[in-house]
Amino acid sequence: MAESFGSDPARYVRSRPPYPEALIRRVIASCPGNALLDVGCGTGIEARQFQAAGCTVLGIEPDARMAAFAREHGVDVEVAKFEGWEPAGRQFDAVVAGTAWHWVDPIAGAAKAAEVLRPAGLIAPFHHVFQYPPDVLRALSEAFLEVVPDSPFNLANLGSKPAVEAYQPLFDKIANGIRAAHGFTEPEQWLYEWERTYSKDEWLDQLPTHGNLTQLPPQKLATVLDRVGTAIDKLGGRLTMPYATVAVTARRIVGE
């Protein structure tokens, strides 16, 4: 699944939201310099945000299609899985990852970050999480269960608790991986809350980029999109999505 997103990179970059500028600024302000390594950079959404803020960014991306798209749009990218990537002696002031670190082994990834970070450099994986309106989530989960009845994903659970609380086990796993890798300060969690309103067409354009849907056959995907579209129509044709962007951060300890 981690390498399924490259099937339509133009849709991905067109429909996925950028990261809060306050987060971008805080990462930069927390670094000893402006050389960043972007793990799982995908189409380069956050890489271009950091470039626009004056940083030099190298992306690491396992999907050659996503990497090619990012290169075409101004991002230097090497195709590799981060855990096995060869840094060749290069060092960076920050290792970041935009909604991608869940595909990285949390301990091996943090150990690799420690290897390439300068003293006081920052590790900062961050993720978007969002909260569906109940009726839209119900339509999505019921349609998904109908077309993929044996799926391990239970989408109804996405609405069982607030989004940050639901994803807290992921953030804890990232923090524990940083602790286990040693050489870092105690991890901190940064939180940025915001919201975005989508038209029905905009949300249905983004929905196929979500991991549990990227590999659905066209007919099954059409069923899901039709049900979700109907639910959005009942909301007046627009969907306001509350987001939280959560970063788990730590500094490379000088001398370790």
Protein backbone atom coordinates (compact mmCIF):
# COMPACT_ATOMS: atom_id res chain seq x y z
CA MET A 1 0.00 0.00 0.00
CA ALA A 2 2.86 2.37 0.79
CA GLU A 3 3.85 2.32 -2.88
CA SER A 4 0.32 2.56 -4.30
CA PHE A 5 0.03 6.35 -4.09
CA GLY A 6 2.05 6.92 -7.25
CA SER A 7 -0.73 5.64 -9.49
CA ASP A 8 -1.99 9.22 -9.89
CA PRO A 9 0.53 11.74 -8.48
CA ALA A 10 -1.14 14.71 -10.16
CA ARG A 11 -4.38 13.97 -8.29
CA TYR A 12 -2.42 13.58 -5.05
CA VAL A 13 -0.69 16.95 -5.27
CA ARG A 14 -3.84 18.65 -6.54
CA SER A 15 -6.14 17.41 -3.80
CA ARG A 16 -4.02 16.93 -0.68
CA PRO A 17 -3.74 19.97 1.64
CA PRO A 18 -0.42 21.63 2.53
CA TYR A 19 0.90 21.83 6.07
CA PRO A 20 0.30 24.77 8.43
CA GLU A 21 2.77 27.57 7.83
CA ALA A 22 3.19 27.92 11.60
CA LEU A 23 4.54 24.36 11.69
CA ILE A 24 6.90 25.02 8.79
CA ARG A 25 8.25 28.13 10.52
CA ARG A 26 8.65 26.36 13.88
CA VAL A 27 10.59 23.48 12.33
CA ILE A 28 12.94 25.92 10.62
CA ALA A 29 13.38 28.01 13.76
CA SER A 30 14.26 24.85 15.71
CA CYS A 31 17.04 23.75 13.32
CA PRO A 32 20.73 24.67 13.52
CA GLY A 33 20.72 25.28 9.74
CA ASN A 34 18.53 25.05 6.65
CA ALA A 35 19.47 21.67 5.11
CA LEU A 36 16.49 19.32 5.39
CA LEU A 37 15.94 15.66 4.57
CA ASP A 38 12.30 14.89 3.70
CA VAL A 39 11.47 11.21 4.24
CA GLY A 40 8.64 9.83 2.09
CA CYS A 41 8.44 13.15 0.28
CA GLY A 42 5.85 11.88 -2.22
CA THR A 43 4.97 14.57 -4.72
CA GLY A 44 6.90 17.16 -2.72
CA ILE A 45 4.08 19.06 -1.01
CA GLU A 46 5.94 19.86 2.23
CA ALA A 47 9.33 19.92 0.48
CA ARG A 48 8.21 22.86 -1.65
CA GLN A 49 6.85 24.62 1.43
CA PHE A 50 10.26 24.34 3.10
CA GLN A 51 11.99 25.43 -0.12
CA ALA A 52 9.75 28.50 -0.32
CA ALA A 53 10.84 29.35 3.23
CA GLY A 54 14.52 29.28 2.23
CA CYS A 55 15.55 25.69 2.97
CA THR A 56 17.54 23.25 0.86
CA VAL A 57 15.62 19.96 0.72
CA LEU A 58 16.56 16.45 -0.33
CA GLY A 59 13.66 14.04 -0.64
CA ILE A 60 13.73 10.28 -0.07
CA GLU A 61 10.84 8.44 -1.72
CA PRO A 62 10.37 4.69 -2.38
CA ASP A 63 7.87 5.17 -5.23
CA ALA A 64 9.70 6.11 -8.42
CA ARG A 65 6.53 7.62 -9.92
CA MET A 66 6.04 10.00 -7.02
CA ALA A 67 9.75 10.83 -7.03
CA ALA A 68 9.67 11.65 -10.75
CA PHE A 69 6.70 13.97 -10.22
CA ALA A 70 8.46 15.75 -7.35
CA ARG A 71 11.61 16.20 -9.47
CA GLU A 72 9.56 17.67 -12.29
CA HIS A 73 8.29 20.24 -9.78
CA GLY A 74 11.63 21.32 -8.39
CA VAL A 75 12.49 18.84 -5.63
CA ASP A 76 15.75 16.86 -5.55
CA VAL A 77 14.72 13.26 -4.79
CA GLU A 78 16.50 9.93 -4.35
CA VAL A 79 14.46 6.73 -4.75
CA ALA A 80 14.88 4.48 -1.71
CA LYS A 81 13.27 3.23 1.45
CA PHE A 82 14.65 5.38 4.23
CA GLU A 83 15.85 2.53 6.44
CA GLY A 84 18.08 1.22 3.63
CA TRP A 85 19.06 4.55 2.08
CA GLU A 86 22.79 5.31 1.86
CA PRO A 87 23.54 8.88 3.05
CA ALA A 88 27.17 8.73 1.79
CA GLY A 89 28.42 10.90 4.62
CA ARG A 90 25.87 13.68 4.11
CA GLN A 91 24.42 15.43 7.13
CA PHE A 92 21.28 17.50 7.65
CA ASP A 93 19.85 20.00 10.08
CA ALA A 94 16.42 18.34 10.20
CA VAL A 95 14.78 15.09 9.18
CA VAL A 96 11.09 15.67 8.45
CA ALA A 97 8.27 13.52 7.07
CA GLY A 98 4.83 14.70 6.00
CA THR A 99 2.16 12.06 6.73
CA ALA A 100 4.67 9.35 5.82
CA TRP A 101 6.53 8.20 8.95
CA HIS A 102 3.89 5.51 9.64
CA TRP A 103 5.42 3.66 6.66
CA VAL A 104 8.89 3.77 8.31
CA ASP A 105 10.11 1.37 10.97
CA PRO A 106 9.96 3.67 14.02
CA ILE A 107 13.22 2.52 15.62
CA ALA A 108 15.28 1.92 12.46
CA GLY A 109 14.00 5.20 11.02
CA ALA A 110 14.92 7.16 14.13
CA ALA A 111 18.34 5.49 14.20
CA LYS A 112 18.93 6.46 10.57
CA ALA A 113 17.85 10.02 11.39
CA ALA A 114 20.35 10.10 14.26
CA GLU A 115 23.04 8.97 11.81
CA VAL A 116 22.46 11.85 9.40
CA LEU A 117 21.57 14.70 11.76
CA ARG A 118 24.07 17.31 12.83
CA PRO A 119 24.36 17.98 16.59
CA ALA A 120 21.16 19.71 17.78
CA GLY A 121 19.47 18.73 14.53
CA LEU A 122 15.74 18.09 14.63
CA ILE A 123 13.73 14.96 13.88
CA ALA A 124 10.15 16.01 13.10
CA PRO A 125 7.70 13.56 11.53
CA PHE A 126 4.27 15.18 11.25
CA HIS A 127 0.84 13.93 10.22
CA HIS A 128 -2.51 15.36 9.20
CA VAL A 129 -5.50 13.80 10.96
CA PHE A 130 -9.10 14.80 10.37
CA GLN A 131 -12.62 14.22 11.67
CA TYR A 132 -15.40 13.20 9.28
CA PRO A 133 -18.94 14.48 9.84
CA PRO A 134 -20.89 11.46 11.19
CA ASP A 135 -23.20 11.02 8.19
CA VAL A 136 -20.34 11.16 5.68
CA LEU A 137 -18.28 8.72 7.72
CA ARG A 138 -21.25 6.35 7.93
CA ALA A 139 -21.71 6.43 4.16
CA LEU A 140 -17.99 5.84 3.59
CA SER A 141 -17.66 2.98 6.07
CA GLU A 142 -20.82 1.20 4.89
CA ALA A 143 -19.84 1.47 1.24
CA PHE A 144 -16.29 0.32 1.94
CA LEU A 145 -17.54 -2.66 3.96
CA GLU A 146 -19.86 -3.58 1.09
CA VAL A 147 -17.17 -3.55 -1.61
CA VAL A 148 -14.34 -4.96 0.57
CA PRO A 149 -16.11 -7.14 3.17
CA ASP A 150 -12.90 -8.88 4.26
CA SER A 151 -10.84 -5.70 4.70
CA PRO A 152 -8.86 -5.31 7.95
CA PHE A 153 -9.82 -1.61 7.94
CA ASN A 154 -12.82 -0.67 10.06
CA LEU A 155 -13.49 2.86 8.89
CA ALA A 156 -16.36 3.31 11.33
CA ASN A 157 -13.71 3.48 14.08
CA LEU A 158 -12.50 6.80 12.63
CA GLY A 159 -15.42 8.53 14.30
CA SER A 160 -15.37 6.68 17.61
CA LYS A 161 -13.24 9.35 19.32
CA PRO A 162 -11.61 12.72 18.47
CA ALA A 163 -9.08 12.39 15.66
CA VAL A 164 -5.99 13.27 17.71
CA GLU A 165 -7.02 10.81 20.41
CA ALA A 166 -7.70 8.11 17.82
CA TYR A 167 -4.24 8.55 16.29
CA GLN A 168 -2.40 9.01 19.60
CA PRO A 169 -1.12 5.40 19.50
CA LEU A 170 0.68 6.30 16.25
CA PHE A 171 2.25 9.39 17.81
CA ASP A 172 3.27 7.36 20.86
CA LYS A 173 4.84 4.74 18.59
CA ILE A 174 6.88 7.43 16.83
CA ALA A 175 8.01 8.89 20.17
CA ASN A 176 8.93 5.46 21.53
CA GLY A 177 10.96 4.75 18.39
CA ILE A 178 12.90 7.98 18.93
CA ARG A 179 13.53 7.03 22.56
CA ALA A 180 14.67 3.52 21.60
CA ALA A 181 17.09 4.86 18.99
CA HIS A 182 18.90 6.90 21.70
CA GLY A 183 20.84 10.09 21.03
CA PHE A 184 17.78 12.37 21.17
CA THR A 185 16.15 14.64 23.71
CA GLU A 186 12.80 13.58 25.13
CA PRO A 187 10.23 13.80 22.29
CA GLU A 188 7.71 16.64 22.24
CA GLN A 189 4.33 16.73 20.50
CA TRP A 190 3.32 19.86 18.60
CA LEU A 191 -0.33 20.39 17.69
CA TYR A 192 -1.86 22.69 15.06
CA GLU A 193 -5.64 22.74 14.64
CA TRP A 194 -7.34 24.17 11.56
CA GLU A 195 -10.16 23.38 9.18
CA ARG A 196 -10.83 23.35 5.47
CA THR A 197 -14.07 23.39 3.52
CA TYR A 198 -14.31 21.25 0.38
CA SER A 199 -16.87 21.15 -2.38
CA LYS A 200 -18.24 17.69 -3.09
CA ASP A 201 -16.08 17.42 -6.20
CA GLU A 202 -12.97 18.49 -4.31
CA TRP A 203 -13.43 15.86 -1.61
CA LEU A 204 -14.28 13.12 -4.09
CA ASP A 205 -11.10 14.08 -5.96
CA GLN A 206 -9.03 13.58 -2.79
CA LEU A 207 -10.73 10.46 -1.48
CA PRO A 208 -9.10 8.00 -3.95
CA THR A 209 -5.67 9.12 -2.67
CA HIS A 210 -6.39 7.69 0.79
CA GLY A 211 -4.46 4.51 1.52
CA ASN A 212 -7.41 2.19 1.99
CA LEU A 213 -8.86 3.22 -1.40
CA THR A 214 -5.81 3.53 -3.66
CA GLN A 215 -5.99 -0.11 -4.78
CA LEU A 216 -9.74 -0.47 -5.24
CA PRO A 217 -10.87 -1.55 -8.73
CA PRO A 218 -12.65 1.28 -10.60
CA GLN A 219 -16.16 -0.14 -10.18
CA LYS A 220 -15.78 -0.60 -6.42
CA LEU A 221 -14.22 2.84 -6.05
CA ALA A 222 -17.14 4.34 -8.00
CA THR A 223 -19.58 2.79 -5.52
CA VAL A 224 -17.75 4.36 -2.58
CA LEU A 225 -17.53 7.77 -4.25
CA ASP A 226 -21.22 7.71 -5.18
CA ARG A 227 -22.30 6.96 -1.59
CA VAL A 228 -20.01 9.59 -0.09
CA GLY A 229 -21.10 12.13 -2.71
CA THR A 230 -24.74 11.55 -1.82
CA ALA A 231 -23.96 12.13 1.87
CA ILE A 232 -22.17 15.38 1.04
CA ASP A 233 -25.11 16.50 -1.10
CA LYS A 234 -27.31 16.13 1.98
CA LEU A 235 -24.97 18.56 3.77
CA GLY A 236 -25.54 21.13 1.04
CA GLY A 237 -22.79 19.98 -1.32
CA ARG A 238 -19.91 21.13 0.88
CA LEU A 239 -17.84 19.42 3.54
CA THR A 240 -16.03 21.25 6.35
CA MET A 241 -13.27 19.04 7.66
CA PRO A 242 -11.65 19.80 11.05
CA TYR A 243 -7.94 18.97 10.82
CA ALA A 244 -5.14 18.62 13.31
CA THR A 245 -1.52 18.48 12.22
CA VAL A 246 0.60 16.73 14.85
CA ALA A 247 4.41 16.68 14.89
CA VAL A 248 6.54 14.48 17.13
CA THR A 249 9.91 16.19 17.55
CA ALA A 250 13.24 15.75 19.30
CA ARG A 251 16.75 17.16 19.00
CA ARG A 252 19.92 15.23 18.29
CA ILE A 253 21.96 15.39 21.51
CA VAL A 254 25.32 17.03 21.00
CA GLY A 255 28.19 14.56 21.39
CA GLU A 256 26.12 11.37 20.96
